[in-house]
Amino acid sequence: MAIYFVRHGESVANEQNLFAGRQNTPLTELGVRQAHQAGKRVAALGIRFDEIHVSTLDRAGNTAAIIADELVTRPGETVVSAELVEREFGVFTARNKSLIKKSIGFRAYTEYFHSSTGCPPGGETWSQMYERVRAYYESVLRPLSDAGRDVLVVTHKYVVEMFALVVAGLPPEDYRDLKVPNARPLSEADLRRICRVPAATAAVHDFGEIVEIRLPALVAGSAVFGVLAQLTLRVSVPPVVFSVVLTALLAISTFFGMLRVHSGVVRGLGHSLRVMLPLTLLRLVAGLALIWSGAGVPLVLLGLFLLLPPALLTPALSLLWDGDYFTSVRQTIVASVVLPVVLLAAVLWLPDRFGPLGPALVGYAGVLLGAMVLPALLAQGLRKRDPIRAGQLSTNWNWLGGLSLMPLAAFATFALSPALGFAGLGSSAELTGLVEDVVAVVAVLLAVRLAALGFSRWRELCPRVARDLFITQSTPNIFLWFALASGLLHATTGYLTLLASTLACGFFLAMYADELIFVRKHTRDLGLAVTTVTNPGLRPTLA
């Protein structure tokens, strides 16, 4: 008879990009809807399940209960077994997945988690996990099936993947990450099929892991490449082409970023706003003052930079850098609504001072609508219509959103850089002015970061909330700024376009520098934790 396997619905640890292991973590709003969808799919099979076997952990138990409620006939028996719990991840438990990958590297990460010889420090060895799953299948599940009983098993990612190896009759050495999605019911035939995934597909997923590990460096390198390519090719980009390409690439990034966000995350908005309000008001006043001064396009560019809402990639950076995530999402959503409205109000209310921004705001509004609003609505619609599919895309293919930032950064700096390069500068005075303005750009980027760090320490924010505040304040939506800058600079001098491309490259390089600092700190902390586990008699101290 039939045996079906279901990985639990999305948990809070999944949402926050943490290794949960054997710690309890509740289902998210998406996870609950995934469980209901899984129940409907199981009910559609027309099988009357005699038993549900479930892990002792709450996220699996809650998923199983929701599935059972969706069935026409509830299973006659529920078996809760410790043999179905997730793998013990040792020192990696409750740590950020992406920071672990960045700290230890792709090869070591693969060895720890996806190798038949691997074992997380202080965790369960691969062979121990495989043997307990194999024994459960052969001594419990297979005999029940042979006796004519239909069984539903609700458990965890690595356990389902071990069942897949056992069912397919593959040796442990043939294991690779099977990317089993949350809440998708899988028959034994399905498990055999996913074990036969072509090597090319596995290589694509490995490539995605590498993109995730190296993303800020790749994006920063792409931005510099764009400048160098323009200095070599000397091809100007028409504003319309710039806007269309910018919108298309940014829409991909926005879509994948917003797949992770659910409407319920705005609960707790008040606290997040109180955290961000002082710094946001300071930036708002400074930005409007620079534009109001009428001291020229360079100061207008800096003023617009300060008025930008956080980039929609800030929640993704929060997941990459072990932030709170929820704080980042709330602050990004609110600022993305409020700050563009403030800028538009300033243009309408004070046309004498802000009127020249009018044409640039047309491109700004087009990018805002086509690259942010519409993809976000599409992503949210998919979450509601097909939560299992949305979760699979978000978990296994989210790196495509990051990958789109590479050509986006390269194209933006290519288009903003002057075709004549430094030869476009009219005089030595313009070169001196450029250097002075570049110094001002660096000072602004540094001041924003120092202000966020100082404010976090003054308010004594918890580390993850403080990191989210730093990310949202220091990562404005540079792509919206590109749209504004393109409208202001398409008919101006090489001096101004060089300044714009310098600001863009400085932004991406600063983001890469931020990551280096975060990864270095995490690597040090992780090393101390590993030392404590592998040498319990030692008491590690910081140098």
Protein backbone atom coordinates (compact mmCIF):
# COMPACT_ATOMS: atom_id res chain seq x y z
CA MET A 1 0.00 0.00 0.00
CA ALA A 2 0.96 3.68 -0.23
CA ILE A 3 3.50 5.59 1.83
CA TYR A 4 3.60 9.37 1.38
CA PHE A 5 6.16 11.76 2.81
CA VAL A 6 5.69 15.46 3.62
CA ARG A 7 8.25 17.93 4.85
CA HIS A 8 6.66 20.32 7.37
CA GLY A 9 5.39 23.75 6.30
CA GLU A 10 7.66 26.77 6.38
CA SER A 11 8.84 27.57 9.90
CA VAL A 12 10.02 30.84 11.41
CA ALA A 13 13.58 29.48 11.30
CA ASN A 14 13.15 28.80 7.54
CA GLU A 15 11.85 32.33 7.08
CA GLN A 16 14.76 33.85 9.02
CA ASN A 17 17.33 31.65 7.23
CA LEU A 18 18.40 29.83 10.41
CA PHE A 19 19.31 26.22 11.07
CA ALA A 20 16.61 24.95 13.44
CA GLY A 21 17.73 21.35 13.80
CA ARG A 22 16.03 19.89 16.86
CA GLN A 23 14.94 23.21 18.29
CA ASN A 24 11.22 23.97 18.18
CA THR A 25 10.17 26.78 15.87
CA PRO A 26 6.55 27.59 14.92
CA LEU A 27 5.04 27.60 11.46
CA THR A 28 4.85 30.91 9.65
CA GLU A 29 1.69 32.28 8.05
CA LEU A 30 2.92 30.79 4.76
CA GLY A 31 3.72 27.50 6.49
CA VAL A 32 0.17 27.20 7.81
CA ARG A 33 -1.27 27.82 4.33
CA GLN A 34 1.21 25.36 2.86
CA ALA A 35 -0.02 22.72 5.31
CA HIS A 36 -3.65 23.38 4.31
CA GLN A 37 -2.69 23.11 0.63
CA ALA A 38 -0.80 19.88 1.35
CA GLY A 39 -3.91 18.52 3.10
CA LYS A 40 -6.05 19.29 0.06
CA ARG A 41 -3.53 17.59 -2.22
CA VAL A 42 -3.41 14.53 0.02
CA ALA A 43 -7.23 14.44 0.14
CA ALA A 44 -7.34 14.60 -3.66
CA LEU A 45 -5.34 11.37 -3.82
CA GLY A 46 -8.42 9.51 -2.64
CA ILE A 47 -6.38 7.45 -0.19
CA ARG A 48 -7.77 6.70 3.26
CA PHE A 49 -4.64 6.86 5.38
CA ASP A 50 -4.61 4.44 8.28
CA GLU A 51 -1.75 6.11 10.15
CA ILE A 52 0.17 9.37 10.33
CA HIS A 53 3.76 9.09 11.54
CA VAL A 54 5.19 12.39 12.72
CA SER A 55 8.30 13.87 14.29
CA THR A 56 8.22 15.00 17.91
CA LEU A 57 8.97 18.61 16.89
CA ASP A 58 6.09 21.10 16.86
CA ARG A 59 6.49 22.29 13.28
CA ALA A 60 5.97 18.74 12.02
CA GLY A 61 3.18 18.00 14.51
CA ASN A 62 1.28 21.16 13.61
CA THR A 63 1.64 20.44 9.89
CA ALA A 64 0.32 16.92 10.41
CA ALA A 65 -2.67 18.17 12.42
CA ILE A 66 -3.61 20.68 9.70
CA ILE A 67 -3.31 18.01 6.98
CA ALA A 68 -5.48 15.63 9.00
CA ASP A 69 -8.17 18.31 9.34
CA GLU A 70 -8.32 18.62 5.55
CA LEU A 71 -8.91 14.89 4.98
CA VAL A 72 -12.41 13.50 4.46
CA THR A 73 -11.61 10.64 6.84
CA ARG A 74 -9.07 11.29 9.57
CA PRO A 75 -6.33 8.65 9.96
CA GLY A 76 -7.13 6.12 12.62
CA GLU A 77 -3.81 6.44 14.43
CA THR A 78 -1.09 9.05 14.92
CA VAL A 79 2.39 7.78 15.77
CA VAL A 80 4.82 10.33 17.20
CA SER A 81 8.41 9.12 16.87
CA ALA A 82 11.76 10.57 17.91
CA GLU A 83 13.30 8.62 15.03
CA LEU A 84 11.75 11.15 12.64
CA VAL A 85 13.27 14.30 14.17
CA GLU A 86 15.53 16.55 12.12
CA ARG A 87 19.27 16.13 12.08
CA GLU A 88 21.18 17.58 15.04
CA PHE A 89 23.28 20.45 13.66
CA GLY A 90 25.52 20.97 16.67
CA VAL A 91 27.21 24.38 16.80
CA PHE A 92 25.36 25.42 13.64
CA THR A 93 21.96 25.23 15.37
CA ALA A 94 20.13 28.59 15.42
CA ARG A 95 22.88 30.17 13.30
CA ASN A 96 22.37 31.98 10.01
CA LYS A 97 22.76 29.62 7.04
CA SER A 98 24.26 32.20 4.70
CA LEU A 99 26.83 33.46 7.20
CA ILE A 100 27.90 29.88 7.86
CA LYS A 101 28.39 29.34 4.12
CA LYS A 102 30.36 32.58 3.86
CA SER A 103 32.45 31.79 6.96
CA ILE A 104 33.48 28.23 6.11
CA GLY A 105 33.22 28.30 2.32
CA PHE A 106 31.21 26.26 -0.17
CA ARG A 107 33.37 23.11 -0.02
CA ALA A 108 33.36 22.86 3.78
CA TYR A 109 29.63 23.60 3.88
CA THR A 110 28.97 20.80 1.38
CA GLU A 111 31.15 18.42 3.37
CA TYR A 112 29.38 19.17 6.67
CA PHE A 113 25.82 18.95 5.34
CA HIS A 114 25.72 17.08 2.03
CA SER A 115 28.49 14.51 2.23
CA SER A 116 28.18 10.93 3.45
CA THR A 117 31.32 11.50 5.55
CA GLY A 118 30.23 14.85 6.98
CA CYS A 119 29.27 15.81 10.52
CA PRO A 120 28.56 19.30 11.91
CA PRO A 121 30.76 19.90 14.99
CA GLY A 122 28.82 18.56 17.95
CA GLY A 123 26.07 17.28 15.66
CA GLU A 124 24.72 14.02 14.27
CA THR A 125 26.95 12.24 11.78
CA TRP A 126 25.59 11.58 8.33
CA SER A 127 25.83 7.82 8.86
CA GLN A 128 23.91 8.03 12.16
CA MET A 129 21.10 9.96 10.48
CA TYR A 130 20.99 7.62 7.49
CA GLU A 131 20.94 4.49 9.65
CA ARG A 132 18.10 5.65 11.91
CA VAL A 133 15.98 6.61 8.89
CA ARG A 134 16.77 3.37 7.07
CA ALA A 135 15.93 1.33 10.17
CA TYR A 136 12.60 3.15 10.59
CA TYR A 137 11.66 2.52 6.98
CA GLU A 138 12.61 -1.15 7.01
CA SER A 139 11.29 -2.04 10.48
CA VAL A 140 8.20 0.22 10.70
CA LEU A 141 6.99 1.75 7.43
CA ARG A 142 7.68 -1.06 4.95
CA PRO A 143 6.00 -3.75 7.12
CA LEU A 144 2.93 -1.52 7.55
CA SER A 145 2.71 -1.06 3.77
CA ASP A 146 3.16 -4.77 3.17
CA ALA A 147 0.32 -5.40 5.65
CA GLY A 148 -2.03 -3.28 3.53
CA ARG A 149 -1.94 -0.06 5.55
CA ASP A 150 -1.58 3.40 3.97
CA VAL A 151 0.82 5.66 5.86
CA LEU A 152 1.52 9.40 5.78
CA VAL A 153 4.88 10.53 7.21
CA VAL A 154 5.33 14.19 8.23
CA THR A 155 8.91 15.02 9.06
CA HIS A 156 11.87 17.25 8.06
CA LYS A 157 14.06 18.05 5.05
CA TYR A 158 17.05 15.86 5.73
CA VAL A 159 14.90 12.97 6.98
CA VAL A 160 12.78 13.01 3.81
CA GLU A 161 15.95 13.07 1.73
CA MET A 162 17.32 10.06 3.64
CA PHE A 163 14.04 8.23 2.97
CA ALA A 164 14.54 9.09 -0.71
CA LEU A 165 17.93 7.37 -0.75
CA VAL A 166 16.55 4.32 1.03
CA VAL A 167 13.50 4.02 -1.23
CA ALA A 168 15.60 4.50 -4.38
CA GLY A 169 18.08 1.87 -3.19
CA LEU A 170 21.01 4.26 -3.60
CA PRO A 171 24.18 4.05 -1.52
CA PRO A 172 24.89 6.94 0.87
CA GLU A 173 27.82 8.04 -1.29
CA ASP A 174 25.35 9.03 -4.06
CA TYR A 175 23.62 11.63 -1.88
CA ARG A 176 23.40 15.26 -2.91
CA ASP A 177 21.15 18.06 -1.73
CA LEU A 178 17.73 17.16 -3.16
CA LYS A 179 16.11 20.53 -2.36
CA VAL A 180 12.91 18.93 -1.03
CA PRO A 181 10.35 21.77 -0.71
CA ASN A 182 8.17 22.47 2.30
CA ALA A 183 4.78 20.71 2.46
CA ARG A 184 4.79 18.95 -0.91
CA PRO A 185 3.35 15.40 -0.58
CA LEU A 186 5.76 12.90 -2.13
CA SER A 187 5.08 9.24 -2.90
CA GLU A 188 7.80 6.60 -2.98
CA ALA A 189 7.82 6.96 -6.77
CA ASP A 190 8.34 10.71 -6.36
CA LEU A 191 11.30 10.07 -4.07
CA ARG A 192 12.88 7.78 -6.63
CA ARG A 193 12.34 10.42 -9.32
CA ILE A 194 13.98 13.29 -7.41
CA CYS A 195 16.99 11.06 -6.71
CA ARG A 196 17.46 10.80 -10.48
CA VAL A 197 17.74 14.56 -11.01
CA PRO A 198 20.37 15.20 -13.73
CA ALA A 199 23.83 16.28 -12.67
CA ALA A 200 23.31 19.51 -14.61
CA THR A 201 20.44 20.47 -12.30
CA ALA A 202 22.60 19.82 -9.25
CA ALA A 203 25.35 21.95 -10.80
CA VAL A 204 22.88 24.81 -11.26
CA HIS A 205 21.91 24.62 -7.58
CA ASP A 206 25.59 24.58 -6.61
CA PHE A 207 26.10 27.66 -8.75
CA GLY A 208 23.23 29.32 -6.88
CA GLU A 209 24.94 28.57 -3.57
CA ILE A 210 28.14 30.20 -4.82
CA VAL A 211 26.22 33.27 -5.99
CA GLU A 212 24.67 33.56 -2.52
CA ILE A 213 28.09 33.27 -0.84
CA ARG A 214 29.80 35.82 -3.10
CA LEU A 215 26.88 38.13 -3.97
CA PRO A 216 28.09 41.53 -2.62
CA ALA A 217 31.56 40.99 -4.10
CA LEU A 218 30.06 39.96 -7.45
CA VAL A 219 27.74 42.98 -7.54
CA ALA A 220 30.53 45.39 -6.56
CA GLY A 221 32.79 43.87 -9.22
CA SER A 222 30.00 44.18 -11.79
CA ALA A 223 29.58 47.89 -10.98
CA VAL A 224 33.29 48.53 -11.50
CA PHE A 225 33.21 46.46 -14.69
CA GLY A 226 30.41 48.66 -16.03
CA VAL A 227 32.53 51.78 -15.61
CA LEU A 228 35.58 50.17 -17.22
CA ALA A 229 33.47 48.86 -20.11
CA GLN A 230 32.13 52.33 -20.83
CA LEU A 231 35.60 53.84 -20.72
CA THR A 232 36.65 51.20 -23.27
CA LEU A 233 33.61 51.07 -25.57
CA ARG A 234 32.42 54.69 -25.25
CA VAL A 235 28.78 53.97 -26.11
CA SER A 236 26.07 56.24 -24.76
CA VAL A 237 22.79 54.72 -23.58
CA PRO A 238 19.53 56.55 -24.42
CA PRO A 239 17.40 57.37 -21.34
CA VAL A 240 14.47 55.26 -22.59
CA VAL A 241 16.67 52.19 -23.05
CA PHE A 242 18.20 52.80 -19.62
CA SER A 243 14.79 52.92 -17.94
CA VAL A 244 13.48 49.80 -19.70
CA VAL A 245 16.52 47.64 -18.92
CA LEU A 246 16.75 48.95 -15.36
CA THR A 247 13.07 48.20 -14.76
CA ALA A 248 13.24 44.67 -16.24
CA LEU A 249 16.28 43.57 -14.22
CA LEU A 250 15.13 45.19 -11.01
CA ALA A 251 11.70 43.55 -11.40
CA ILE A 252 13.34 40.11 -11.22
CA SER A 253 15.14 40.99 -8.01
CA THR A 254 11.98 42.49 -6.50
CA PHE A 255 9.85 39.46 -7.37
CA PHE A 256 12.11 36.98 -5.62
CA GLY A 257 12.66 39.30 -2.68
CA MET A 258 8.95 39.83 -2.10
CA LEU A 259 8.19 36.09 -2.31
CA ARG A 260 9.53 35.82 1.24
CA VAL A 261 7.42 38.66 2.63
CA HIS A 262 3.91 38.11 4.01
CA SER A 263 1.32 40.72 4.90
CA GLY A 264 1.27 39.68 8.56
CA VAL A 265 4.83 40.90 8.99
CA VAL A 266 3.56 44.47 9.40
CA ARG A 267 2.32 43.50 12.86
CA GLY A 268 4.66 45.12 15.34
CA LEU A 269 5.08 48.04 12.97
CA GLY A 270 5.01 50.61 15.78
CA HIS A 271 8.23 49.43 17.42
CA SER A 272 10.06 49.20 14.10
CA LEU A 273 8.99 52.74 13.19
CA ARG A 274 10.13 54.11 16.52
CA VAL A 275 13.51 52.52 15.93
CA MET A 276 13.96 54.01 12.46
CA LEU A 277 12.18 57.37 12.86
CA PRO A 278 15.00 59.55 14.32
CA LEU A 279 17.58 58.55 11.71
CA THR A 280 15.06 58.70 8.87
CA LEU A 281 13.96 62.22 9.88
CA LEU A 282 17.59 63.29 10.05
CA ARG A 283 18.20 62.01 6.53
CA LEU A 284 14.97 63.56 5.31
CA VAL A 285 15.91 67.01 6.62
CA ALA A 286 19.47 66.77 5.29
CA GLY A 287 18.33 65.57 1.86
CA LEU A 288 15.70 68.27 1.42
CA ALA A 289 18.17 70.91 2.63
CA LEU A 290 20.75 69.89 0.02
CA ILE A 291 18.18 70.05 -2.77
CA TRP A 292 16.73 73.33 -1.41
CA SER A 293 20.17 74.95 -1.38
CA GLY A 294 20.17 75.10 -5.17
CA ALA A 295 23.97 74.79 -5.10
CA GLY A 296 24.17 72.65 -8.18
CA VAL A 297 23.53 69.16 -9.48
CA PRO A 298 26.19 67.43 -7.31
CA LEU A 299 24.46 68.46 -4.09
CA VAL A 300 21.07 67.62 -5.59
CA LEU A 301 22.36 64.10 -6.33
CA LEU A 302 23.56 63.71 -2.75
CA GLY A 303 20.26 65.09 -1.46
CA LEU A 304 18.29 62.61 -3.55
CA PHE A 305 20.56 59.83 -2.30
CA LEU A 306 19.61 60.65 1.29
CA LEU A 307 15.89 60.74 0.41
CA LEU A 308 15.85 57.24 -1.04
CA PRO A 309 13.87 54.51 0.72
CA PRO A 310 15.76 51.32 1.63
CA ALA A 311 16.40 49.00 -1.28
CA LEU A 312 14.00 46.08 -1.59
CA LEU A 313 17.06 43.86 -1.34
CA THR A 314 17.55 44.92 2.32
CA PRO A 315 15.42 42.02 3.64
CA ALA A 316 17.61 39.70 1.55
CA LEU A 317 20.73 41.31 3.05
CA SER A 318 19.20 40.83 6.49
CA LEU A 319 18.85 37.12 5.72
CA LEU A 320 22.42 36.99 4.40
CA TRP A 321 23.90 38.88 7.36
CA ASP A 322 21.87 37.46 10.28
CA GLY A 323 19.59 40.40 10.90
CA ASP A 324 16.16 40.26 12.55
CA TYR A 325 14.55 40.24 9.07
CA PHE A 326 11.12 41.36 10.32
CA THR A 327 12.47 44.78 11.32
CA SER A 328 14.09 45.14 7.89
CA VAL A 329 10.87 44.22 6.08
CA ARG A 330 8.70 46.62 8.10
CA GLN A 331 11.08 49.55 7.75
CA THR A 332 11.56 48.94 4.03
CA ILE A 333 7.85 48.71 3.27
CA VAL A 334 6.95 51.88 5.21
CA ALA A 335 9.84 53.94 3.85
CA SER A 336 9.17 52.77 0.27
CA VAL A 337 5.67 54.22 0.57
CA VAL A 338 6.36 57.39 2.57
CA LEU A 339 9.63 58.78 1.16
CA PRO A 340 8.58 58.87 -2.53
CA VAL A 341 5.39 60.65 -1.44
CA VAL A 342 7.47 63.22 0.49
CA LEU A 343 9.65 63.87 -2.55
CA LEU A 344 6.63 64.24 -4.84
CA ALA A 345 4.94 66.58 -2.34
CA ALA A 346 8.07 68.73 -2.22
CA VAL A 347 8.07 69.07 -6.02
CA LEU A 348 4.38 70.04 -6.12
CA TRP A 349 4.48 72.34 -3.10
CA LEU A 350 7.69 74.19 -3.92
CA PRO A 351 8.04 74.10 -7.71
CA ASP A 352 10.56 76.95 -7.74
CA ARG A 353 13.04 74.95 -5.69
CA PHE A 354 12.19 71.37 -6.62
CA GLY A 355 10.58 71.88 -10.03
CA PRO A 356 13.71 70.84 -12.02
CA LEU A 357 13.26 67.36 -10.58
CA GLY A 358 9.92 66.99 -12.38
CA PRO A 359 11.18 65.28 -15.57
CA ALA A 360 13.45 62.97 -13.54
CA LEU A 361 10.51 61.99 -11.34
CA VAL A 362 8.71 60.60 -14.41
CA GLY A 363 11.43 57.97 -14.83
CA TYR A 364 11.49 57.48 -11.06
CA ALA A 365 7.74 56.81 -11.00
CA GLY A 366 8.00 54.40 -13.94
CA VAL A 367 10.71 52.36 -12.25
CA LEU A 368 8.82 52.46 -8.95
CA LEU A 369 5.70 51.06 -10.60
CA GLY A 370 7.20 48.60 -13.08
CA ALA A 371 10.15 47.33 -11.06
CA MET A 372 8.76 47.40 -7.53
CA VAL A 373 4.98 47.64 -7.20
CA LEU A 374 3.91 45.23 -9.95
CA PRO A 375 6.50 42.49 -9.19
CA ALA A 376 5.64 42.74 -5.49
CA LEU A 377 1.95 42.28 -6.24
CA LEU A 378 2.75 39.33 -8.52
CA ALA A 379 4.87 37.69 -5.80
CA GLN A 380 2.22 38.21 -3.14
CA GLY A 381 -0.43 36.81 -5.47
CA LEU A 382 1.61 33.65 -5.97
CA ARG A 383 2.04 33.27 -2.20
CA LYS A 384 -1.74 33.31 -1.76
CA ARG A 385 -2.59 31.21 -4.84
CA ASP A 386 0.05 28.49 -4.55
CA PRO A 387 1.95 28.70 -1.22
CA ILE A 388 3.89 25.46 -1.78
CA ARG A 389 5.16 26.67 -5.16
CA ALA A 390 5.97 30.12 -3.74
CA GLY A 391 7.95 28.55 -0.91
CA GLN A 392 9.91 26.34 -3.31
CA LEU A 393 10.81 29.30 -5.54
CA SER A 394 11.75 31.44 -2.55
CA THR A 395 13.93 28.76 -0.95
CA ASN A 396 15.58 27.07 -3.93
CA TRP A 397 15.64 29.81 -6.57
CA ASN A 398 15.92 33.03 -4.60
CA TRP A 399 19.51 33.36 -5.78
CA LEU A 400 18.18 34.34 -9.22
CA GLY A 401 17.03 37.61 -7.68
CA GLY A 402 20.56 38.23 -6.44
CA LEU A 403 22.07 37.17 -9.75
CA SER A 404 19.98 39.78 -11.58
CA LEU A 405 21.75 42.48 -9.56
CA MET A 406 25.02 41.75 -11.33
CA PRO A 407 23.97 42.80 -14.86
CA LEU A 408 21.84 45.51 -13.25
CA ALA A 409 24.82 47.08 -11.47
CA ALA A 410 27.05 46.72 -14.53
CA PHE A 411 24.48 48.23 -16.89
CA ALA A 412 23.65 51.11 -14.53
CA THR A 413 27.27 52.20 -14.07
CA PHE A 414 27.92 51.66 -17.78
CA ALA A 415 25.03 53.97 -18.67
CA LEU A 416 25.87 56.61 -16.07
CA SER A 417 29.59 56.79 -16.92
CA PRO A 418 30.55 59.38 -19.54
CA ALA A 419 31.54 57.99 -22.92
CA LEU A 420 34.60 60.27 -23.01
CA GLY A 421 35.78 59.34 -19.52
CA PHE A 422 38.12 61.84 -17.91
CA ALA A 423 38.69 63.42 -21.33
CA GLY A 424 35.19 64.83 -20.96
CA LEU A 425 36.32 67.10 -18.16
CA GLY A 426 36.62 70.65 -19.40
CA SER A 427 39.48 71.84 -17.20
CA SER A 428 41.72 71.05 -14.28
CA ALA A 429 39.27 72.99 -12.12
CA GLU A 430 36.55 70.47 -13.02
CA LEU A 431 38.91 67.61 -12.15
CA THR A 432 39.62 69.25 -8.79
CA GLY A 433 35.89 69.70 -8.24
CA LEU A 434 35.29 66.05 -9.08
CA VAL A 435 37.85 64.92 -6.51
CA GLU A 436 36.28 67.17 -3.88
CA ASP A 437 32.81 65.83 -4.63
CA VAL A 438 34.06 62.23 -4.57
CA VAL A 439 35.44 62.90 -1.10
CA ALA A 440 32.03 64.29 -0.14
CA VAL A 441 30.37 61.10 -1.47
CA VAL A 442 32.66 58.91 0.62
CA ALA A 443 31.98 61.11 3.64
CA VAL A 444 28.22 60.76 3.18
CA LEU A 445 28.42 56.95 2.88
CA LEU A 446 30.61 56.79 5.97
CA ALA A 447 28.49 59.24 7.96
CA VAL A 448 25.30 57.25 7.30
CA ARG A 449 26.95 54.09 8.59
CA LEU A 450 28.46 55.75 11.67
CA ALA A 451 25.12 57.36 12.51
CA ALA A 452 23.35 53.99 12.35
CA LEU A 453 26.01 52.33 14.51
CA GLY A 454 26.04 55.14 17.06
CA PHE A 455 22.26 55.28 17.30
CA SER A 456 22.01 51.49 17.78
CA ARG A 457 24.49 51.59 20.65
CA TRP A 458 22.79 54.60 22.22
CA ARG A 459 19.41 52.88 22.10
CA GLU A 460 20.97 49.56 23.21
CA LEU A 461 19.12 47.65 20.50
CA CYS A 462 19.39 43.87 20.38
CA PRO A 463 22.08 42.75 17.90
CA ARG A 464 19.76 41.52 15.15
CA VAL A 465 17.50 44.59 15.26
CA ALA A 466 20.58 46.82 15.30
CA ARG A 467 21.93 45.01 12.24
CA ASP A 468 18.64 45.51 10.41
CA LEU A 469 18.68 49.22 11.26
CA PHE A 470 22.22 49.47 9.92
CA ILE A 471 21.23 47.65 6.72
CA THR A 472 18.11 49.73 6.01
CA GLN A 473 19.89 53.03 6.72
CA SER A 474 23.05 52.27 4.76
CA THR A 475 21.44 50.53 1.77
CA PRO A 476 19.10 53.01 0.08
CA ASN A 477 17.42 52.01 -3.16
CA ILE A 478 20.29 52.92 -5.42
CA PHE A 479 18.33 51.72 -8.45
CA LEU A 480 15.64 54.36 -7.93
CA TRP A 481 18.47 56.86 -7.65
CA PHE A 482 19.77 55.63 -11.00
CA ALA A 483 16.39 56.51 -12.53
CA LEU A 484 16.54 60.02 -11.06
CA ALA A 485 20.19 60.53 -11.97
CA SER A 486 19.57 59.41 -15.55
CA GLY A 487 16.86 62.04 -15.91
CA LEU A 488 19.12 64.76 -14.50
CA LEU A 489 22.36 63.83 -16.22
CA HIS A 490 21.53 62.70 -19.76
CA ALA A 491 22.34 66.14 -21.13
CA THR A 492 25.01 67.29 -18.67
CA THR A 493 28.79 67.24 -18.59
CA GLY A 494 31.21 64.36 -18.15
CA TYR A 495 32.08 65.79 -14.74
CA LEU A 496 28.60 65.16 -13.38
CA THR A 497 28.21 61.74 -14.94
CA LEU A 498 31.59 60.71 -13.55
CA LEU A 499 30.37 61.82 -10.13
CA ALA A 500 27.21 59.75 -10.51
CA SER A 501 29.10 56.60 -11.54
CA THR A 502 31.54 57.16 -8.66
CA LEU A 503 28.67 57.36 -6.19
CA ALA A 504 27.20 54.15 -7.63
CA CYS A 505 30.50 52.24 -7.40
CA GLY A 506 31.10 53.62 -3.92
CA PHE A 507 27.73 52.34 -2.81
CA PHE A 508 28.35 48.79 -4.03
CA LEU A 509 31.91 48.66 -2.71
CA ALA A 510 30.69 49.89 0.69
CA MET A 511 28.09 47.10 0.74
CA TYR A 512 30.87 44.58 0.08
CA ALA A 513 32.98 46.11 2.87
CA ASP A 514 30.01 45.78 5.25
CA GLU A 515 29.79 42.08 4.46
CA LEU A 516 33.50 41.54 5.06
CA ILE A 517 33.09 42.98 8.56
CA PHE A 518 30.01 40.88 9.35
CA VAL A 519 31.58 37.67 8.03
CA ARG A 520 34.84 38.25 9.90
CA LYS A 521 32.99 38.67 13.19
CA HIS A 522 30.83 35.61 12.56
CA THR A 523 33.86 33.52 11.57
CA ARG A 524 35.57 34.43 14.83
CA ASP A 525 32.47 33.59 16.91
CA LEU A 526 31.92 30.34 15.03
CA GLY A 527 35.54 29.34 15.54
CA LEU A 528 35.19 29.83 19.29
CA ALA A 529 32.03 27.71 19.32
CA VAL A 530 33.69 24.91 17.35
CA THR A 531 36.71 25.00 19.66
CA THR A 532 34.46 24.68 22.69
CA VAL A 533 32.75 21.60 21.22
CA THR A 534 35.84 19.84 19.86
CA ASN A 535 38.03 20.69 22.88
CA PRO A 536 35.64 20.95 25.86
CA GLY A 537 38.53 21.17 28.29
CA LEU A 538 39.70 24.43 26.76
CA ARG A 539 38.23 27.82 27.60
CA PRO A 540 38.81 29.89 24.47
CA THR A 541 39.49 33.57 24.92
CA LEU A 542 39.58 36.41 22.46
CA ALA A 543 43.01 37.65 21.52
